[in-house]
């Protein structure tokens, strides 16, 4: 059986509808540093992703020990949107540790992230005792905030 040695995590990526709005959430709301924002060669995008005519702008933001890539496709014209539920195969989210859940709730509201369920205190597992909440916006992002233990 073959295996590969993973040496680290490079980034987590989200395709979004409005790149500037997503950048504002991560930079202004969550304190990430904008590293770059630029278009990419459509031929390279097609070679990498298999999406012919993929006209994109990509931004990279650096947070505490994690990098996020945000991609806005301007083409092809037949691109769509999906919003899988947490129970659906293919669902993905980024979980972030936060110092203050109440501050995170305020940022979520300011940046139009809707609460998927409720703020909940985890009662088992490695995060027991922490408050947690899932959020989604209409830009294609789902985030989970986990508050540090008191």
N, C-alpha and C. Protein backbone atom coordinates (compact mmCIF):
# COMPACT_ATOMS: atom_id res chain seq x y z
N UNK A 1 0.85 -1.17 0.00
CA UNK A 1 0.00 0.00 0.00
C UNK A 1 0.90 1.24 0.00
N UNK A 2 0.63 2.15 -0.90
CA UNK A 2 1.43 3.38 -1.01
C UNK A 2 0.95 4.42 -0.01
N UNK A 3 1.87 5.26 0.42
CA UNK A 3 1.51 6.38 1.28
C UNK A 3 2.42 7.55 0.95
N UNK A 4 2.04 8.72 1.39
CA UNK A 4 2.84 9.92 1.17
C UNK A 4 3.05 10.59 2.52
N UNK A 5 4.20 11.17 2.71
CA UNK A 5 4.47 11.89 3.95
C UNK A 5 3.96 13.32 3.82
N UNK A 6 2.98 13.68 4.61
CA UNK A 6 2.47 15.06 4.65
C UNK A 6 3.39 15.85 5.56
N UNK A 7 3.90 16.97 5.06
CA UNK A 7 4.85 17.77 5.84
C UNK A 7 4.24 19.03 6.42
N UNK A 8 2.97 19.31 6.10
CA UNK A 8 2.32 20.50 6.65
C UNK A 8 1.03 20.77 5.92
N UNK A 9 0.35 21.81 6.35
CA UNK A 9 -0.86 22.27 5.70
C UNK A 9 -0.54 23.59 5.02
N UNK A 10 -0.85 23.69 3.73
CA UNK A 10 -0.53 24.91 2.99
C UNK A 10 -1.61 25.96 3.13
N UNK A 11 -2.85 25.60 2.85
CA UNK A 11 -3.95 26.57 2.96
C UNK A 11 -5.29 25.85 2.90
N UNK A 12 -6.33 26.57 3.25
CA UNK A 12 -7.71 26.16 3.03
C UNK A 12 -8.29 27.14 2.03
N UNK A 13 -9.04 26.63 1.06
CA UNK A 13 -9.55 27.48 -0.02
C UNK A 13 -11.07 27.50 -0.05
N UNK A 14 -11.61 28.65 -0.39
CA UNK A 14 -13.04 28.83 -0.60
C UNK A 14 -13.25 29.57 -1.91
N UNK A 15 -14.17 29.10 -2.73
CA UNK A 15 -14.62 29.85 -3.89
C UNK A 15 -15.80 30.70 -3.43
N UNK A 16 -15.74 32.00 -3.72
CA UNK A 16 -16.74 32.94 -3.24
C UNK A 16 -17.34 33.72 -4.40
N UNK A 17 -18.48 34.34 -4.14
CA UNK A 17 -19.14 35.18 -5.15
C UNK A 17 -18.51 36.57 -5.21
N UNK A 18 -18.17 37.11 -4.05
CA UNK A 18 -17.69 38.50 -3.93
C UNK A 18 -16.37 38.48 -3.17
N UNK A 19 -15.27 38.54 -3.90
CA UNK A 19 -13.95 38.42 -3.29
C UNK A 19 -13.66 39.55 -2.32
N UNK A 20 -14.00 40.77 -2.67
CA UNK A 20 -13.70 41.90 -1.78
C UNK A 20 -14.45 41.77 -0.45
N UNK A 21 -15.68 41.30 -0.51
CA UNK A 21 -16.45 41.11 0.74
C UNK A 21 -15.83 40.01 1.59
N UNK A 22 -15.38 38.93 0.96
CA UNK A 22 -14.74 37.84 1.71
C UNK A 22 -13.42 38.29 2.31
N UNK A 23 -12.66 39.07 1.55
CA UNK A 23 -11.40 39.62 2.08
C UNK A 23 -11.69 40.48 3.30
N UNK A 24 -12.72 41.32 3.22
CA UNK A 24 -13.07 42.19 4.36
C UNK A 24 -13.39 41.37 5.60
N UNK A 25 -14.11 40.26 5.44
CA UNK A 25 -14.42 39.41 6.59
C UNK A 25 -13.14 38.90 7.24
N UNK A 26 -12.26 38.30 6.44
CA UNK A 26 -11.05 37.73 7.02
C UNK A 26 -10.07 38.79 7.51
N UNK A 27 -9.90 39.87 6.76
CA UNK A 27 -8.93 40.90 7.13
C UNK A 27 -9.46 41.78 8.25
N UNK A 28 -10.61 42.40 8.03
CA UNK A 28 -11.13 43.38 8.98
C UNK A 28 -11.85 42.75 10.16
N UNK A 29 -12.60 41.68 9.90
CA UNK A 29 -13.36 41.05 10.96
C UNK A 29 -12.57 40.05 11.78
N UNK A 30 -11.66 39.30 11.12
CA UNK A 30 -10.96 38.22 11.81
C UNK A 30 -9.47 38.47 11.99
N UNK A 31 -8.97 39.59 11.49
CA UNK A 31 -7.59 39.98 11.73
C UNK A 31 -6.54 39.28 10.89
N UNK A 32 -6.94 38.64 9.78
CA UNK A 32 -5.97 38.01 8.89
C UNK A 32 -5.25 39.09 8.08
N UNK A 33 -4.04 38.80 7.65
CA UNK A 33 -3.25 39.73 6.83
C UNK A 33 -3.41 39.36 5.36
N UNK A 34 -3.77 40.34 4.53
CA UNK A 34 -3.86 40.11 3.09
C UNK A 34 -2.46 40.01 2.52
N UNK A 35 -2.12 38.85 1.96
CA UNK A 35 -0.79 38.62 1.39
C UNK A 35 -0.73 38.97 -0.08
N UNK A 36 -1.80 38.64 -0.82
CA UNK A 36 -1.82 38.93 -2.25
C UNK A 36 -3.25 38.86 -2.76
N UNK A 37 -3.48 39.57 -3.86
CA UNK A 37 -4.75 39.52 -4.57
C UNK A 37 -4.43 39.79 -6.03
N UNK A 38 -4.68 38.83 -6.92
CA UNK A 38 -4.32 39.00 -8.32
C UNK A 38 -5.08 38.01 -9.19
N UNK A 39 -5.28 38.37 -10.46
CA UNK A 39 -5.86 37.42 -11.42
C UNK A 39 -4.85 36.32 -11.74
N UNK A 40 -5.36 35.23 -12.30
CA UNK A 40 -4.51 34.13 -12.73
C UNK A 40 -4.77 33.83 -14.21
N UNK A 41 -3.79 33.23 -14.85
CA UNK A 41 -3.89 32.86 -16.26
C UNK A 41 -4.97 31.79 -16.43
N UNK A 42 -5.99 32.05 -17.27
CA UNK A 42 -7.04 31.05 -17.47
C UNK A 42 -6.52 29.70 -17.95
N UNK A 43 -5.45 29.68 -18.74
CA UNK A 43 -4.89 28.41 -19.18
C UNK A 43 -4.33 27.63 -18.00
N UNK A 44 -3.70 28.31 -17.07
CA UNK A 44 -3.18 27.65 -15.88
C UNK A 44 -4.32 27.12 -15.02
N UNK A 45 -5.37 27.90 -14.86
CA UNK A 45 -6.53 27.46 -14.07
C UNK A 45 -7.14 26.22 -14.70
N UNK A 46 -7.28 26.20 -16.02
CA UNK A 46 -7.83 25.03 -16.70
C UNK A 46 -6.94 23.82 -16.50
N UNK A 47 -5.62 24.01 -16.58
CA UNK A 47 -4.69 22.90 -16.40
C UNK A 47 -4.74 22.35 -14.98
N UNK A 48 -4.89 23.21 -13.99
CA UNK A 48 -4.88 22.79 -12.59
C UNK A 48 -6.21 22.21 -12.16
N UNK A 49 -7.32 22.89 -12.52
CA UNK A 49 -8.63 22.53 -11.98
C UNK A 49 -9.51 21.73 -12.94
N UNK A 50 -9.18 21.76 -14.24
CA UNK A 50 -10.04 21.11 -15.22
C UNK A 50 -11.21 21.97 -15.63
N UNK A 51 -11.27 23.24 -15.17
CA UNK A 51 -12.35 24.16 -15.52
C UNK A 51 -11.91 24.99 -16.72
N UNK A 52 -12.46 24.67 -17.91
CA UNK A 52 -12.12 25.42 -19.12
C UNK A 52 -12.70 26.83 -19.02
N UNK A 53 -11.91 27.82 -19.40
CA UNK A 53 -12.37 29.21 -19.38
C UNK A 53 -12.47 29.79 -17.98
N UNK A 54 -11.75 29.21 -17.04
CA UNK A 54 -11.80 29.67 -15.66
C UNK A 54 -11.05 30.97 -15.47
N UNK A 55 -11.76 32.07 -15.50
CA UNK A 55 -11.19 33.41 -15.29
C UNK A 55 -11.36 33.73 -13.81
N UNK A 56 -10.25 33.85 -13.08
CA UNK A 56 -10.33 33.99 -11.63
C UNK A 56 -9.44 35.11 -11.12
N UNK A 57 -9.81 35.59 -9.94
CA UNK A 57 -8.95 36.42 -9.11
C UNK A 57 -8.81 35.67 -7.80
N UNK A 58 -7.56 35.60 -7.32
CA UNK A 58 -7.28 34.83 -6.11
C UNK A 58 -6.61 35.71 -5.07
N UNK A 59 -7.06 35.58 -3.83
CA UNK A 59 -6.44 36.29 -2.71
C UNK A 59 -5.96 35.26 -1.68
N UNK A 60 -4.82 35.55 -1.07
CA UNK A 60 -4.31 34.76 0.04
C UNK A 60 -4.25 35.65 1.27
N UNK A 61 -4.74 35.12 2.40
CA UNK A 61 -4.70 35.82 3.67
C UNK A 61 -4.08 34.91 4.71
N UNK A 62 -3.26 35.48 5.57
CA UNK A 62 -2.58 34.72 6.61
C UNK A 62 -3.19 35.04 7.97
N UNK A 63 -3.60 33.99 8.66
CA UNK A 63 -4.09 34.13 10.02
C UNK A 63 -3.12 33.45 10.97
N UNK A 64 -3.50 33.34 12.23
CA UNK A 64 -2.64 32.66 13.19
C UNK A 64 -2.43 31.20 12.79
N UNK A 65 -1.24 30.89 12.31
CA UNK A 65 -0.84 29.53 11.97
C UNK A 65 -1.68 28.90 10.85
N UNK A 66 -2.38 29.71 10.05
CA UNK A 66 -3.15 29.14 8.95
C UNK A 66 -3.35 30.17 7.84
N UNK A 67 -3.27 29.71 6.61
CA UNK A 67 -3.46 30.56 5.43
C UNK A 67 -4.76 30.18 4.75
N UNK A 68 -5.47 31.19 4.26
CA UNK A 68 -6.73 31.01 3.55
C UNK A 68 -6.57 31.56 2.14
N UNK A 69 -7.06 30.77 1.16
CA UNK A 69 -7.11 31.21 -0.23
C UNK A 69 -8.57 31.47 -0.57
N UNK A 70 -8.85 32.62 -1.15
CA UNK A 70 -10.19 32.96 -1.58
C UNK A 70 -10.16 33.14 -3.09
N UNK A 71 -11.08 32.49 -3.79
CA UNK A 71 -11.11 32.51 -5.25
C UNK A 71 -12.47 33.03 -5.72
N UNK A 72 -12.43 34.03 -6.59
CA UNK A 72 -13.65 34.47 -7.26
C UNK A 72 -13.52 34.15 -8.75
N UNK A 73 -14.43 33.32 -9.26
CA UNK A 73 -14.48 33.01 -10.69
C UNK A 73 -15.34 34.06 -11.38
N UNK A 74 -14.81 34.67 -12.44
CA UNK A 74 -15.57 35.61 -13.25
C UNK A 74 -16.15 34.89 -14.47
N UNK A 75 -15.61 33.73 -14.79
CA UNK A 75 -16.06 32.88 -15.89
C UNK A 75 -15.59 31.47 -15.55
N UNK A 76 -16.22 30.46 -16.11
CA UNK A 76 -17.15 30.43 -17.22
C UNK A 76 -18.56 30.90 -16.83
N UNK A 77 -19.34 31.18 -17.84
CA UNK A 77 -20.69 31.72 -17.61
C UNK A 77 -21.61 30.73 -16.91
N UNK A 78 -21.36 29.43 -17.07
CA UNK A 78 -22.27 28.44 -16.49
C UNK A 78 -21.89 28.04 -15.06
N UNK A 79 -21.03 28.82 -14.40
CA UNK A 79 -20.69 28.48 -13.02
C UNK A 79 -21.92 28.64 -12.15
N UNK A 80 -21.93 27.92 -11.05
CA UNK A 80 -23.10 27.94 -10.18
C UNK A 80 -22.72 28.15 -8.74
N UNK A 81 -23.64 27.82 -7.88
CA UNK A 81 -23.42 27.97 -6.44
C UNK A 81 -23.96 26.72 -5.76
N UNK A 82 -23.40 26.40 -4.61
CA UNK A 82 -23.92 25.30 -3.82
C UNK A 82 -23.88 25.71 -2.36
N UNK A 83 -24.79 25.15 -1.62
CA UNK A 83 -24.84 25.41 -0.18
C UNK A 83 -25.20 24.11 0.54
N UNK A 84 -24.27 23.15 0.54
CA UNK A 84 -24.57 21.89 1.22
C UNK A 84 -24.77 22.11 2.72
N UNK A 85 -25.64 21.30 3.27
CA UNK A 85 -25.87 21.34 4.72
C UNK A 85 -24.75 20.58 5.41
N UNK A 86 -24.52 20.82 6.70
CA UNK A 86 -23.47 20.09 7.40
C UNK A 86 -23.61 18.57 7.29
N UNK A 87 -24.79 18.05 7.02
CA UNK A 87 -24.99 16.61 6.91
C UNK A 87 -24.76 16.08 5.50
N UNK A 88 -24.52 16.96 4.52
CA UNK A 88 -24.36 16.56 3.12
C UNK A 88 -22.90 16.26 2.79
N UNK A 89 -22.67 15.19 2.04
CA UNK A 89 -21.31 14.88 1.58
C UNK A 89 -20.80 16.06 0.76
N UNK A 90 -19.57 16.42 0.99
CA UNK A 90 -18.97 17.56 0.30
C UNK A 90 -19.01 18.84 1.11
N UNK A 91 -19.75 18.84 2.20
CA UNK A 91 -19.78 20.02 3.07
C UNK A 91 -18.40 20.25 3.65
N UNK A 92 -17.99 21.50 3.70
CA UNK A 92 -16.71 21.86 4.32
C UNK A 92 -16.86 23.16 5.07
N UNK A 93 -16.03 23.33 6.08
CA UNK A 93 -16.02 24.58 6.82
C UNK A 93 -14.64 24.78 7.41
N UNK A 94 -14.38 26.00 7.84
CA UNK A 94 -13.14 26.34 8.52
C UNK A 94 -13.48 26.62 9.97
N UNK A 95 -12.84 25.90 10.89
CA UNK A 95 -13.07 26.10 12.32
C UNK A 95 -11.95 26.96 12.88
N UNK A 96 -12.33 28.05 13.55
CA UNK A 96 -11.38 28.99 14.10
C UNK A 96 -11.56 29.10 15.61
N UNK A 97 -10.45 29.02 16.33
CA UNK A 97 -10.49 29.28 17.77
C UNK A 97 -10.58 30.78 17.98
N UNK A 98 -11.49 31.21 18.85
CA UNK A 98 -11.65 32.63 19.15
C UNK A 98 -11.54 32.84 20.66
N UNK A 99 -11.05 33.99 21.05
CA UNK A 99 -10.91 34.30 22.47
C UNK A 99 -12.24 34.66 23.11
N UNK A 100 -13.18 35.22 22.32
CA UNK A 100 -14.42 35.76 22.88
C UNK A 100 -15.56 35.49 21.90
N UNK A 101 -16.46 34.57 22.25
CA UNK A 101 -17.57 34.22 21.37
C UNK A 101 -18.49 35.41 21.14
N UNK A 102 -18.70 36.24 22.16
CA UNK A 102 -19.58 37.38 21.98
C UNK A 102 -19.02 38.36 20.94
N UNK A 103 -17.71 38.56 20.94
CA UNK A 103 -17.08 39.39 19.92
C UNK A 103 -17.21 38.73 18.55
N UNK A 104 -17.04 37.42 18.50
CA UNK A 104 -17.19 36.69 17.23
C UNK A 104 -18.61 36.81 16.69
N UNK A 105 -19.59 36.76 17.57
CA UNK A 105 -20.99 36.94 17.15
C UNK A 105 -21.21 38.33 16.56
N UNK A 106 -20.60 39.34 17.14
CA UNK A 106 -20.72 40.70 16.62
C UNK A 106 -20.08 40.82 15.24
N UNK A 107 -18.90 40.24 15.07
CA UNK A 107 -18.22 40.25 13.77
C UNK A 107 -19.06 39.50 12.74
N UNK A 108 -19.61 38.35 13.13
CA UNK A 108 -20.44 37.58 12.21
C UNK A 108 -21.63 38.41 11.73
N UNK A 109 -22.28 39.10 12.63
CA UNK A 109 -23.42 39.93 12.24
C UNK A 109 -22.99 41.07 11.32
N UNK A 110 -21.89 41.70 11.64
CA UNK A 110 -21.39 42.82 10.84
C UNK A 110 -21.05 42.39 9.42
N UNK A 111 -20.57 41.16 9.26
CA UNK A 111 -20.14 40.67 7.96
C UNK A 111 -21.16 39.72 7.32
N UNK A 112 -22.40 39.77 7.79
CA UNK A 112 -23.53 39.06 7.19
C UNK A 112 -23.38 37.54 7.19
N UNK A 113 -22.81 37.03 8.28
CA UNK A 113 -22.77 35.59 8.49
C UNK A 113 -23.99 35.19 9.31
N UNK A 114 -24.78 34.28 8.80
CA UNK A 114 -25.96 33.83 9.53
C UNK A 114 -25.63 32.64 10.41
N UNK A 115 -26.17 32.62 11.60
CA UNK A 115 -25.99 31.51 12.53
C UNK A 115 -26.79 30.31 12.02
N UNK A 116 -26.12 29.17 11.81
CA UNK A 116 -26.81 27.98 11.29
C UNK A 116 -27.67 27.30 12.35
N UNK A 117 -27.17 27.20 13.54
CA UNK A 117 -27.90 26.55 14.62
C UNK A 117 -28.00 27.53 15.78
N UNK A 118 -27.31 27.19 16.87
CA UNK A 118 -27.27 28.06 18.04
C UNK A 118 -25.87 27.98 18.65
N UNK A 119 -25.56 28.92 19.50
CA UNK A 119 -24.32 28.84 20.26
C UNK A 119 -24.54 27.73 21.28
N UNK A 120 -23.59 26.80 21.34
CA UNK A 120 -23.77 25.59 22.13
C UNK A 120 -22.50 25.30 22.91
N UNK A 121 -22.66 24.79 24.12
CA UNK A 121 -21.52 24.37 24.93
C UNK A 121 -21.29 22.89 24.66
N UNK A 122 -20.12 22.55 24.15
CA UNK A 122 -19.77 21.17 23.80
C UNK A 122 -19.64 20.36 25.09
N UNK A 123 -20.27 19.17 25.10
CA UNK A 123 -20.29 18.38 26.33
C UNK A 123 -19.42 17.13 26.30
N UNK A 124 -18.71 16.89 25.18
CA UNK A 124 -17.84 15.72 25.12
C UNK A 124 -16.74 15.92 24.08
N UNK A 125 -15.75 15.04 24.11
CA UNK A 125 -14.66 15.10 23.13
C UNK A 125 -13.59 16.11 23.50
N UNK A 126 -12.64 16.33 22.58
CA UNK A 126 -11.50 17.18 22.89
C UNK A 126 -11.85 18.65 23.08
N UNK A 127 -13.03 19.08 22.63
CA UNK A 127 -13.44 20.48 22.80
C UNK A 127 -14.49 20.66 23.90
N UNK A 128 -14.67 19.67 24.75
CA UNK A 128 -15.66 19.74 25.82
C UNK A 128 -15.45 21.00 26.66
N UNK A 129 -16.55 21.66 26.95
CA UNK A 129 -16.52 22.88 27.77
C UNK A 129 -16.42 24.16 26.96
N UNK A 130 -16.20 24.04 25.67
CA UNK A 130 -16.05 25.24 24.82
C UNK A 130 -17.39 25.59 24.17
N UNK A 131 -17.64 26.89 24.01
CA UNK A 131 -18.81 27.32 23.24
C UNK A 131 -18.46 27.25 21.76
N UNK A 132 -19.43 26.83 20.95
CA UNK A 132 -19.23 26.65 19.52
C UNK A 132 -20.44 27.19 18.77
N UNK A 133 -20.20 27.68 17.55
CA UNK A 133 -21.28 28.13 16.68
C UNK A 133 -20.85 28.00 15.22
N UNK A 134 -21.78 27.59 14.36
CA UNK A 134 -21.57 27.51 12.91
C UNK A 134 -22.24 28.70 12.25
N UNK A 135 -21.57 29.25 11.25
CA UNK A 135 -22.10 30.40 10.51
C UNK A 135 -21.94 30.17 9.02
N UNK A 136 -22.85 30.73 8.23
CA UNK A 136 -22.74 30.70 6.77
C UNK A 136 -23.19 32.05 6.23
N UNK A 137 -22.53 32.47 5.16
CA UNK A 137 -22.99 33.66 4.47
C UNK A 137 -23.43 33.29 3.05
N UNK A 138 -23.97 34.27 2.34
CA UNK A 138 -24.43 34.01 0.97
C UNK A 138 -23.27 34.10 -0.03
N UNK A 139 -22.05 34.18 0.47
CA UNK A 139 -20.87 34.31 -0.36
C UNK A 139 -20.16 32.96 -0.54
N UNK A 140 -20.71 31.91 0.07
CA UNK A 140 -20.13 30.59 -0.07
C UNK A 140 -19.22 30.16 1.07
N UNK A 141 -19.22 30.89 2.16
CA UNK A 141 -18.35 30.58 3.29
C UNK A 141 -19.14 29.98 4.45
N UNK A 142 -18.59 28.92 5.04
CA UNK A 142 -19.11 28.40 6.29
C UNK A 142 -17.95 28.39 7.28
N UNK A 143 -18.15 29.03 8.42
CA UNK A 143 -17.14 29.11 9.46
C UNK A 143 -17.71 28.55 10.76
N UNK A 144 -16.84 27.97 11.56
CA UNK A 144 -17.17 27.53 12.90
C UNK A 144 -16.27 28.30 13.84
N UNK A 145 -16.84 28.91 14.86
CA UNK A 145 -16.07 29.57 15.90
C UNK A 145 -16.13 28.73 17.15
N UNK A 146 -14.96 28.49 17.75
CA UNK A 146 -14.85 27.76 19.02
C UNK A 146 -14.20 28.68 20.03
N UNK A 147 -14.90 28.95 21.10
CA UNK A 147 -14.37 29.86 22.12
C UNK A 147 -13.40 29.12 23.04
N UNK A 148 -12.31 29.80 23.37
CA UNK A 148 -11.34 29.24 24.31
C UNK A 148 -12.03 28.95 25.62
N UNK A 149 -11.56 27.90 26.32
CA UNK A 149 -12.14 27.57 27.62
C UNK A 149 -11.88 28.69 28.61
N UNK A 150 -12.85 28.91 29.47
CA UNK A 150 -12.72 29.96 30.48
C UNK A 150 -11.75 29.56 31.56
